[in-house]
Amino acid sequence: MNAEEPDFLRTARASYDAMAPDYAAHVPDGLLTRPLDRALVTAFADLVRDNGPAPVADLGCGLGHVTARLDALGVPVFGVDLSPRMVSLARRAHPGLRFHVGTVTALDLPPETLGGIAALDVVGHVPTGHLSTVFTEFQRILVPGGQVLLGFRAGTDDRTRLTERFGHGIELDHYWHAPETITGQLAEAGLLVHARTLLDPDEDDKRDRVFLLVRKPSAGRPQRSGA
């Protein structure tokens, strides 16, 4: 929360802080109603465990639904969100789990700390010009062979601004990245896409949902991307 923090982080934090209690009351746990999402989270957990015991960070954890699912799958996990009020609600809902305030552009972790990163709907709040910072940070904190589960709604690198939700005035930008933009930025950061899933839009949405399974290369393994 310093003066050099990008505007998109400050506005997103203020927006989620403003609507946090109503968000918790009105937005359900999507994993309860989306079996394909659950299957991808389970596959991600298996890949993380196969690579070693290092923990997973659930970035943009919100109310902690994905954090709790990974914990139930036996993965050591903690949640990170930029909104202090969302973190407070997650701690209240899941008192046995750890949640911290932080941002995807500057994670307060030593290099090669994490076995995995779950980042579902996080990059949808990150402008294209800042994606390289985010993915370079992912590469820095992952152990060799570490995994990323990245989810986002596809677009044509366009943007929309939400100015009201649940009766609260907000300024929340959504960036609809083209899949090739994301895979290109991941490759530039040294992260390799090894699986991708394209899901049709939900009934209340008009955009395809994209999931990418990504890994940091292990020493001695060929650096071939599925992109």
C-alpha atoms as a PDB file:
ATOM      1  CA  MET A   1       0.000   0.000   0.000  1.00  0.00           C
ATOM      2  CA  ASN A   2       2.857   2.394  -0.805  1.00  0.00           C
ATOM      3  CA  ALA A   3       2.941   5.489  -2.974  1.00  0.00           C
ATOM      4  CA  GLU A   4       4.612   3.591  -5.839  1.00  0.00           C
ATOM      5  CA  GLU A   5       1.870   0.974  -6.027  1.00  0.00           C
ATOM      6  CA  PRO A   6       0.111   0.935  -9.423  1.00  0.00           C
ATOM      7  CA  ASP A   7      -3.305   2.563  -9.620  1.00  0.00           C
ATOM      8  CA  PHE A   8      -4.995  -0.671 -10.727  1.00  0.00           C
ATOM      9  CA  LEU A   9      -4.082  -2.313  -7.412  1.00  0.00           C
ATOM     10  CA  ARG A  10      -5.321   0.619  -5.330  1.00  0.00           C
ATOM     11  CA  THR A  11      -8.656   0.820  -7.125  1.00  0.00           C
ATOM     12  CA  ALA A  12      -9.187  -2.958  -7.001  1.00  0.00           C
ATOM     13  CA  ARG A  13      -8.429  -3.010  -3.261  1.00  0.00           C
ATOM     14  CA  ALA A  14     -10.798  -0.141  -2.545  1.00  0.00           C
ATOM     15  CA  SER A  15     -13.533  -1.766  -4.632  1.00  0.00           C
ATOM     16  CA  TYR A  16     -13.313  -5.177  -2.969  1.00  0.00           C
ATOM     17  CA  ASP A  17     -13.047  -3.615   0.485  1.00  0.00           C
ATOM     18  CA  ALA A  18     -16.234  -1.627  -0.212  1.00  0.00           C
ATOM     19  CA  MET A  19     -18.314  -4.588  -1.350  1.00  0.00           C
ATOM     20  CA  ALA A  20     -16.724  -7.395   0.701  1.00  0.00           C
ATOM     21  CA  PRO A  21     -19.631  -8.210   3.108  1.00  0.00           C
ATOM     22  CA  ASP A  22     -22.221  -8.146   0.308  1.00  0.00           C
ATOM     23  CA  TYR A  23     -19.899 -10.103  -1.968  1.00  0.00           C
ATOM     24  CA  ALA A  24     -19.706 -12.814   0.687  1.00  0.00           C
ATOM     25  CA  ALA A  25     -23.494 -12.896   0.994  1.00  0.00           C
ATOM     26  CA  HIS A  26     -24.260 -13.047  -2.740  1.00  0.00           C
ATOM     27  CA  VAL A  27     -21.370 -14.826  -4.508  1.00  0.00           C
ATOM     28  CA  PRO A  28     -21.410 -18.616  -4.004  1.00  0.00           C
ATOM     29  CA  ASP A  29     -18.512 -21.044  -4.033  1.00  0.00           C
ATOM     30  CA  GLY A  30     -18.162 -21.772  -7.745  1.00  0.00           C
ATOM     31  CA  LEU A  31     -16.410 -25.090  -7.100  1.00  0.00           C
ATOM     32  CA  LEU A  32     -19.663 -26.466  -5.648  1.00  0.00           C
ATOM     33  CA  THR A  33     -21.483 -26.050  -8.958  1.00  0.00           C
ATOM     34  CA  ARG A  34     -18.686 -26.486 -11.521  1.00  0.00           C
ATOM     35  CA  PRO A  35     -17.405 -30.078 -11.663  1.00  0.00           C
ATOM     36  CA  LEU A  36     -14.876 -29.302 -14.400  1.00  0.00           C
ATOM     37  CA  ASP A  37     -13.370 -26.536 -12.264  1.00  0.00           C
ATOM     38  CA  ARG A  38     -13.096 -28.980  -9.364  1.00  0.00           C
ATOM     39  CA  ALA A  39     -11.401 -31.537 -11.609  1.00  0.00           C
ATOM     40  CA  LEU A  40      -8.797 -28.996 -12.715  1.00  0.00           C
ATOM     41  CA  VAL A  41      -8.088 -27.944  -9.128  1.00  0.00           C
ATOM     42  CA  THR A  42      -7.691 -31.633  -8.225  1.00  0.00           C
ATOM     43  CA  ALA A  43      -5.306 -32.238 -11.150  1.00  0.00           C
ATOM     44  CA  PHE A  44      -3.281 -29.187 -10.114  1.00  0.00           C
ATOM     45  CA  ALA A  45      -3.050 -30.517  -6.539  1.00  0.00           C
ATOM     46  CA  ASP A  46      -1.821 -33.893  -7.822  1.00  0.00           C
ATOM     47  CA  LEU A  47       0.872 -32.238  -9.937  1.00  0.00           C
ATOM     48  CA  VAL A  48       2.049 -30.128  -6.998  1.00  0.00           C
ATOM     49  CA  ARG A  49       2.289 -33.152  -4.685  1.00  0.00           C
ATOM     50  CA  ASP A  50       4.163 -35.152  -7.317  1.00  0.00           C
ATOM     51  CA  ASN A  51       6.826 -32.450  -7.476  1.00  0.00           C
ATOM     52  CA  GLY A  52       7.485 -32.224  -3.714  1.00  0.00           C
ATOM     53  CA  PRO A  53       6.259 -30.853  -0.383  1.00  0.00           C
ATOM     54  CA  ALA A  54       6.561 -27.095  -1.000  1.00  0.00           C
ATOM     55  CA  PRO A  55       3.357 -25.140  -0.254  1.00  0.00           C
ATOM     56  CA  VAL A  56       0.845 -23.532  -2.596  1.00  0.00           C
ATOM     57  CA  ALA A  57      -0.293 -19.910  -2.585  1.00  0.00           C
ATOM     58  CA  ASP A  58      -3.885 -19.248  -3.614  1.00  0.00           C
ATOM     59  CA  LEU A  59      -3.542 -15.748  -5.075  1.00  0.00           C
ATOM     60  CA  GLY A  60      -6.595 -13.543  -5.183  1.00  0.00           C
ATOM     61  CA  CYS A  61      -8.114 -15.982  -2.708  1.00  0.00           C
ATOM     62  CA  GLY A  62     -11.164 -13.854  -1.981  1.00  0.00           C
ATOM     63  CA  LEU A  63     -13.347 -15.718   0.496  1.00  0.00           C
ATOM     64  CA  GLY A  64     -11.002 -18.713   0.528  1.00  0.00           C
ATOM     65  CA  HIS A  65     -13.080 -21.255  -1.420  1.00  0.00           C
ATOM     66  CA  VAL A  66     -10.178 -22.554  -3.522  1.00  0.00           C
ATOM     67  CA  THR A  67      -7.809 -22.388  -0.543  1.00  0.00           C
ATOM     68  CA  ALA A  68     -10.150 -24.636   1.434  1.00  0.00           C
ATOM     69  CA  ARG A  69     -10.510 -27.055  -1.487  1.00  0.00           C
ATOM     70  CA  LEU A  70      -6.751 -27.426  -1.849  1.00  0.00           C
ATOM     71  CA  ASP A  71      -6.418 -27.961   1.886  1.00  0.00           C
ATOM     72  CA  ALA A  72      -9.050 -30.717   1.701  1.00  0.00           C
ATOM     73  CA  LEU A  73      -6.982 -32.335  -1.070  1.00  0.00           C
ATOM     74  CA  GLY A  74      -4.001 -32.541   1.273  1.00  0.00           C
ATOM     75  CA  VAL A  75      -1.940 -29.696  -0.171  1.00  0.00           C
ATOM     76  CA  PRO A  76      -0.187 -27.280   2.218  1.00  0.00           C
ATOM     77  CA  VAL A  77      -1.748 -23.989   1.201  1.00  0.00           C
ATOM     78  CA  PHE A  78      -2.302 -20.394   2.236  1.00  0.00           C
ATOM     79  CA  GLY A  79      -4.391 -17.616   0.704  1.00  0.00           C
ATOM     80  CA  VAL A  80      -3.328 -14.141  -0.412  1.00  0.00           C
ATOM     81  CA  ASP A  81      -5.627 -11.263  -1.367  1.00  0.00           C
ATOM     82  CA  LEU A  82      -5.072  -7.548  -1.829  1.00  0.00           C
ATOM     83  CA  SER A  83      -8.261  -6.653   0.087  1.00  0.00           C
ATOM     84  CA  PRO A  84      -7.880  -6.636   3.894  1.00  0.00           C
ATOM     85  CA  ARG A  85     -11.651  -6.975   4.311  1.00  0.00           C
ATOM     86  CA  MET A  86     -11.782 -10.038   2.059  1.00  0.00           C
ATOM     87  CA  VAL A  87      -8.882 -11.562   3.980  1.00  0.00           C
ATOM     88  CA  SER A  88     -10.747 -10.934   7.232  1.00  0.00           C
ATOM     89  CA  LEU A  89     -13.839 -12.704   5.876  1.00  0.00           C
ATOM     90  CA  ALA A  90     -11.755 -15.639   4.631  1.00  0.00           C
ATOM     91  CA  ARG A  91     -10.144 -16.032   8.057  1.00  0.00           C
ATOM     92  CA  ARG A  92     -13.573 -16.010   9.679  1.00  0.00           C
ATOM     93  CA  ALA A  93     -14.944 -18.611   7.250  1.00  0.00           C
ATOM     94  CA  HIS A  94     -11.869 -20.898   7.455  1.00  0.00           C
ATOM     95  CA  PRO A  95     -10.263 -20.361  10.876  1.00  0.00           C
ATOM     96  CA  GLY A  96      -7.896 -23.297  10.474  1.00  0.00           C
ATOM     97  CA  LEU A  97      -6.219 -21.856   7.367  1.00  0.00           C
ATOM     98  CA  ARG A  98      -3.752 -19.007   6.809  1.00  0.00           C
ATOM     99  CA  PHE A  99      -4.655 -15.889   4.837  1.00  0.00           C
ATOM    100  CA  HIS A 100      -2.483 -12.852   4.191  1.00  0.00           C
ATOM    101  CA  VAL A 101      -2.812  -9.438   2.568  1.00  0.00           C
ATOM    102  CA  GLY A 102      -0.563  -9.101  -0.480  1.00  0.00           C
ATOM    103  CA  THR A 103      -0.421  -8.326  -4.196  1.00  0.00           C
ATOM    104  CA  VAL A 104       0.496 -10.442  -7.209  1.00  0.00           C
ATOM    105  CA  THR A 105       3.100  -7.944  -8.389  1.00  0.00           C
ATOM    106  CA  ALA A 106       5.246  -8.047  -5.238  1.00  0.00           C
ATOM    107  CA  LEU A 107       4.841 -11.178  -3.139  1.00  0.00           C
ATOM    108  CA  ASP A 108       6.756 -11.067   0.124  1.00  0.00           C
ATOM    109  CA  LEU A 109       8.365 -14.495  -0.308  1.00  0.00           C
ATOM    110  CA  PRO A 110      11.943 -15.686  -0.840  1.00  0.00           C
ATOM    111  CA  PRO A 111      12.934 -17.157  -4.203  1.00  0.00           C
ATOM    112  CA  GLU A 112      11.948 -20.782  -4.918  1.00  0.00           C
ATOM    113  CA  THR A 113       9.530 -21.012  -1.990  1.00  0.00           C
ATOM    114  CA  LEU A 114       6.318 -22.307  -3.544  1.00  0.00           C
ATOM    115  CA  GLY A 115       5.437 -25.644  -5.073  1.00  0.00           C
ATOM    116  CA  GLY A 116       2.427 -24.124  -6.777  1.00  0.00           C
ATOM    117  CA  ILE A 117       0.359 -21.025  -7.430  1.00  0.00           C
ATOM    118  CA  ALA A 118      -3.399 -21.045  -7.910  1.00  0.00           C
ATOM    119  CA  ALA A 119      -4.452 -17.825  -9.622  1.00  0.00           C
ATOM    120  CA  LEU A 120      -8.085 -18.030 -10.673  1.00  0.00           C
ATOM    121  CA  ASP A 121      -9.535 -14.790 -12.049  1.00  0.00           C
ATOM    122  CA  VAL A 122      -6.528 -12.786 -10.804  1.00  0.00           C
ATOM    123  CA  VAL A 123      -5.095 -11.675 -14.146  1.00  0.00           C
ATOM    124  CA  GLY A 124      -8.531 -10.364 -15.085  1.00  0.00           C
ATOM    125  CA  HIS A 125      -7.730  -7.375 -12.887  1.00  0.00           C
ATOM    126  CA  VAL A 126      -4.185  -6.885 -14.259  1.00  0.00           C
ATOM    127  CA  PRO A 127      -3.561  -4.595 -17.256  1.00  0.00           C
ATOM    128  CA  THR A 128      -1.669  -6.151 -20.140  1.00  0.00           C
ATOM    129  CA  GLY A 129       1.339  -3.932 -19.476  1.00  0.00           C
ATOM    130  CA  HIS A 130       1.737  -5.378 -15.976  1.00  0.00           C
ATOM    131  CA  LEU A 131       1.405  -9.086 -16.846  1.00  0.00           C
ATOM    132  CA  SER A 132       5.164  -9.482 -17.309  1.00  0.00           C
ATOM    133  CA  THR A 133       5.747  -8.233 -13.744  1.00  0.00           C
ATOM    134  CA  VAL A 134       3.231 -10.724 -12.369  1.00  0.00           C
ATOM    135  CA  PHE A 135       4.579 -13.720 -14.274  1.00  0.00           C
ATOM    136  CA  THR A 136       8.202 -12.848 -13.529  1.00  0.00           C
ATOM    137  CA  GLU A 137       7.238 -12.809  -9.855  1.00  0.00           C
ATOM    138  CA  PHE A 138       5.632 -16.248 -10.270  1.00  0.00           C
ATOM    139  CA  GLN A 139       8.824 -17.586 -11.841  1.00  0.00           C
ATOM    140  CA  ARG A 140      10.918 -16.132  -9.013  1.00  0.00           C
ATOM    141  CA  ILE A 141       9.017 -17.731  -6.146  1.00  0.00           C
ATOM    142  CA  LEU A 142       8.293 -21.164  -7.664  1.00  0.00           C
ATOM    143  CA  VAL A 143      10.579 -24.106  -7.028  1.00  0.00           C
ATOM    144  CA  PRO A 144      11.888 -25.885 -10.139  1.00  0.00           C
ATOM    145  CA  GLY A 145       9.024 -27.983 -11.468  1.00  0.00           C
ATOM    146  CA  GLY A 146       6.508 -25.796  -9.604  1.00  0.00           C
ATOM    147  CA  GLN A 147       3.011 -25.578 -11.031  1.00  0.00           C
ATOM    148  CA  VAL A 148       0.575 -22.760 -11.781  1.00  0.00           C
ATOM    149  CA  LEU A 149      -3.178 -23.083 -12.325  1.00  0.00           C
ATOM    150  CA  LEU A 150      -4.198 -19.904 -14.112  1.00  0.00           C
ATOM    151  CA  GLY A 151      -7.821 -19.077 -14.876  1.00  0.00           C
ATOM    152  CA  PHE A 152      -9.266 -16.103 -16.730  1.00  0.00           C
ATOM    153  CA  ARG A 153     -12.115 -15.037 -19.013  1.00  0.00           C
ATOM    154  CA  ALA A 154     -11.035 -14.636 -22.618  1.00  0.00           C
ATOM    155  CA  GLY A 155     -11.334 -11.506 -24.687  1.00  0.00           C
ATOM    156  CA  THR A 156      -9.469  -9.466 -27.243  1.00  0.00           C
ATOM    157  CA  ASP A 157      -7.282  -7.521 -24.824  1.00  0.00           C
ATOM    158  CA  ASP A 158     -10.170  -5.180 -24.105  1.00  0.00           C
ATOM    159  CA  ARG A 159     -11.309  -3.647 -20.811  1.00  0.00           C
ATOM    160  CA  THR A 160     -14.553  -2.828 -19.030  1.00  0.00           C
ATOM    161  CA  ARG A 161     -15.087  -0.859 -15.816  1.00  0.00           C
ATOM    162  CA  LEU A 162     -17.627  -1.835 -13.179  1.00  0.00           C
ATOM    163  CA  THR A 163     -18.847   1.235 -11.307  1.00  0.00           C
ATOM    164  CA  GLU A 164     -21.518  -0.318  -9.073  1.00  0.00           C
ATOM    165  CA  ARG A 165     -22.134  -3.627  -7.392  1.00  0.00           C
ATOM    166  CA  PHE A 166     -24.405  -4.595  -4.510  1.00  0.00           C
ATOM    167  CA  GLY A 167     -25.318  -0.934  -4.148  1.00  0.00           C
ATOM    168  CA  HIS A 168     -21.713   0.214  -3.702  1.00  0.00           C
ATOM    169  CA  GLY A 169     -20.000   2.735  -5.945  1.00  0.00           C
ATOM    170  CA  ILE A 170     -16.706   1.183  -7.103  1.00  0.00           C
ATOM    171  CA  GLU A 171     -14.051   1.501  -9.820  1.00  0.00           C
ATOM    172  CA  LEU A 172     -13.166  -2.079 -10.720  1.00  0.00           C
ATOM    173  CA  ASP A 173     -11.550  -2.732 -14.080  1.00  0.00           C
ATOM    174  CA  HIS A 174     -11.808  -6.104 -15.814  1.00  0.00           C
ATOM    175  CA  TYR A 175      -9.199  -6.870 -18.452  1.00  0.00           C
ATOM    176  CA  TRP A 176     -10.300  -9.480 -20.979  1.00  0.00           C
ATOM    177  CA  HIS A 177      -7.006 -10.908 -22.199  1.00  0.00           C
ATOM    178  CA  ALA A 178      -6.611 -12.899 -25.383  1.00  0.00           C
ATOM    179  CA  PRO A 179      -5.270 -16.402 -24.577  1.00  0.00           C
ATOM    180  CA  GLU A 180      -2.283 -15.867 -26.870  1.00  0.00           C
ATOM    181  CA  THR A 181      -1.393 -12.715 -24.934  1.00  0.00           C
ATOM    182  CA  ILE A 182      -1.264 -14.683 -21.695  1.00  0.00           C
ATOM    183  CA  THR A 183       0.691 -17.624 -23.114  1.00  0.00           C
ATOM    184  CA  GLY A 184       3.160 -15.263 -24.763  1.00  0.00           C
ATOM    185  CA  GLN A 185       3.783 -13.367 -21.531  1.00  0.00           C
ATOM    186  CA  LEU A 186       4.195 -16.655 -19.615  1.00  0.00           C
ATOM    187  CA  ALA A 187       6.797 -17.850 -22.124  1.00  0.00           C
ATOM    188  CA  GLU A 188       8.692 -14.550 -21.835  1.00  0.00           C
ATOM    189  CA  ALA A 189       8.853 -15.089 -18.069  1.00  0.00           C
ATOM    190  CA  GLY A 190      10.247 -18.599 -18.523  1.00  0.00           C
ATOM    191  CA  LEU A 191       7.043 -20.461 -17.609  1.00  0.00           C
ATOM    192  CA  LEU A 192       5.790 -23.283 -19.826  1.00  0.00           C
ATOM    193  CA  VAL A 193       2.165 -24.061 -20.628  1.00  0.00           C
ATOM    194  CA  HIS A 194       1.628 -27.832 -20.599  1.00  0.00           C
ATOM    195  CA  ALA A 195      -2.172 -28.046 -20.696  1.00  0.00           C
ATOM    196  CA  ARG A 196      -5.054 -25.765 -21.564  1.00  0.00           C
ATOM    197  CA  THR A 197      -8.817 -26.031 -21.184  1.00  0.00           C
ATOM    198  CA  LEU A 198     -11.430 -23.825 -22.821  1.00  0.00           C
ATOM    199  CA  LEU A 199     -14.858 -23.829 -21.194  1.00  0.00           C
ATOM    200  CA  ASP A 200     -18.005 -22.339 -22.657  1.00  0.00           C
ATOM    201  CA  PRO A 201     -19.408 -19.278 -20.886  1.00  0.00           C
ATOM    202  CA  ASP A 202     -21.627 -19.659 -17.839  1.00  0.00           C
ATOM    203  CA  GLU A 203     -25.322 -18.921 -18.286  1.00  0.00           C
ATOM    204  CA  ASP A 204     -24.833 -15.444 -16.821  1.00  0.00           C
ATOM    205  CA  ASP A 205     -21.665 -14.663 -18.782  1.00  0.00           C
ATOM    206  CA  LYS A 206     -20.780 -14.210 -22.438  1.00  0.00           C
ATOM    207  CA  ARG A 207     -17.059 -14.967 -22.339  1.00  0.00           C
ATOM    208  CA  ASP A 208     -15.185 -18.253 -22.641  1.00  0.00           C
ATOM    209  CA  ARG A 209     -13.283 -19.323 -19.551  1.00  0.00           C
ATOM    210  CA  VAL A 210      -9.675 -20.389 -20.035  1.00  0.00           C
ATOM    211  CA  PHE A 211      -7.608 -22.528 -17.660  1.00  0.00           C
ATOM    212  CA  LEU A 212      -3.889 -23.037 -18.158  1.00  0.00           C
ATOM    213  CA  LEU A 213      -1.654 -25.488 -16.330  1.00  0.00           C
ATOM    214  CA  VAL A 214       1.818 -24.003 -16.328  1.00  0.00           C
ATOM    215  CA  ARG A 215       5.132 -25.142 -14.885  1.00  0.00           C
ATOM    216  CA  LYS A 216       8.519 -23.704 -14.097  1.00  0.00           C
ATOM    217  CA  PRO A 217      11.111 -25.887 -15.829  1.00  0.00           C
ATOM    218  CA  SER A 218      13.007 -28.367 -13.702  1.00  0.00           C
ATOM    219  CA  ALA A 219      16.785 -28.576 -13.965  1.00  0.00           C
ATOM    220  CA  GLY A 220      17.694 -30.954 -16.756  1.00  0.00           C
ATOM    221  CA  ARG A 221      14.179 -31.149 -18.273  1.00  0.00           C
ATOM    222  CA  PRO A 222      13.666 -29.941 -21.838  1.00  0.00           C
ATOM    223  CA  GLN A 223      12.032 -26.500 -21.981  1.00  0.00           C
ATOM    224  CA  ARG A 224       9.209 -27.253 -24.393  1.00  0.00           C
ATOM    225  CA  SER A 225       5.993 -25.293 -24.168  1.00  0.00           C
ATOM    226  CA  GLY A 226       2.522 -26.469 -25.084  1.00  0.00           C
ATOM    227  CA  ALA A 227       1.746 -22.919 -26.243  1.00  0.00           C
END
